[in-house]
């Protein structure tokens, strides 16, 4: 991952110390017609890290 890709989503399996450690990322429009703001985009690489039971459950974000 190139330097400068900051991530603050601690619930993602690719999060490490405010950085994304995924080999690559995919950012998409979320289809809500407000792509001109950060609310109109999403990280399609996101995979949920379950902190409750200590196991990691891979749950890819779904395009909307």
Protein backbone atom coordinates (compact mmCIF):
# COMPACT_ATOMS: atom_id res chain seq x y z
CA UNK A 1 0.00 0.00 0.00
CA UNK A 2 1.43 3.41 -0.90
CA UNK A 3 2.36 5.75 1.94
CA UNK A 4 -0.26 8.37 2.62
CA UNK A 5 -3.28 6.03 2.56
CA UNK A 6 -4.72 6.78 5.97
CA UNK A 7 -7.44 4.61 7.50
CA UNK A 8 -9.24 5.25 10.78
CA UNK A 9 -11.65 2.29 10.66
CA UNK A 10 -10.45 0.09 13.53
CA UNK A 11 -13.20 -2.44 12.75
CA UNK A 12 -11.52 -3.40 9.47
CA UNK A 13 -9.12 -6.36 9.29
CA UNK A 14 -6.77 -4.21 7.18
CA UNK A 15 -6.45 -1.46 9.82
CA UNK A 16 -3.03 -1.10 11.46
CA UNK A 17 -2.04 2.01 13.41
CA UNK A 18 -4.09 4.48 11.32
CA UNK A 19 -2.99 2.90 8.04
CA UNK A 20 -4.46 0.45 5.55
CA UNK A 21 -2.34 -2.69 5.14
CA UNK A 22 -4.40 -4.23 2.33
CA UNK A 23 -2.38 -5.08 -0.76
CA UNK A 24 -4.74 -2.89 -2.79
CA UNK A 25 -7.95 -0.97 -2.17
CA UNK A 26 -11.11 -0.28 -4.13
CA UNK A 27 -13.13 2.88 -3.50
CA UNK A 28 -16.59 3.14 -5.06
CA UNK A 29 -19.53 5.43 -5.33
CA UNK A 30 -22.22 4.18 -2.98
CA UNK A 31 -24.91 5.05 -5.51
CA UNK A 32 -26.74 7.69 -3.49
CA UNK A 33 -26.24 10.63 -5.88
CA UNK A 34 -24.06 12.59 -3.43
CA UNK A 35 -20.64 11.57 -4.72
CA UNK A 36 -19.53 15.19 -4.34
CA UNK A 37 -19.08 14.51 -0.60
CA UNK A 38 -17.35 11.84 1.49
CA UNK A 39 -20.81 10.39 2.25
CA UNK A 40 -21.08 9.37 -1.40
CA UNK A 41 -18.13 6.98 -1.38
CA UNK A 42 -17.20 3.74 0.33
CA UNK A 43 -14.23 1.44 0.67
CA UNK A 44 -15.12 -1.82 -1.09
CA UNK A 45 -12.01 -3.47 0.42
CA UNK A 46 -13.42 -3.18 3.97
CA UNK A 47 -13.68 -6.50 5.80
CA UNK A 48 -15.17 -6.54 9.31
CA UNK A 49 -13.00 -7.48 12.29
CA UNK A 50 -15.12 -8.96 15.09
CA UNK A 51 -13.71 -7.88 18.45
CA UNK A 52 -16.40 -9.59 20.56
CA UNK A 53 -15.27 -13.20 20.34
CA UNK A 54 -11.64 -12.74 19.29
CA UNK A 55 -12.25 -14.25 15.84
CA UNK A 56 -12.04 -12.36 12.60
CA UNK A 57 -15.10 -12.64 10.41
CA UNK A 58 -14.54 -11.53 6.84
CA UNK A 59 -17.55 -9.57 5.71
CA UNK A 60 -16.97 -7.62 2.54
CA UNK A 61 -18.86 -4.37 2.18
CA UNK A 62 -21.63 -4.68 -0.36
CA UNK A 63 -22.11 -2.15 -3.13
CA UNK A 64 -25.38 -0.28 -2.78
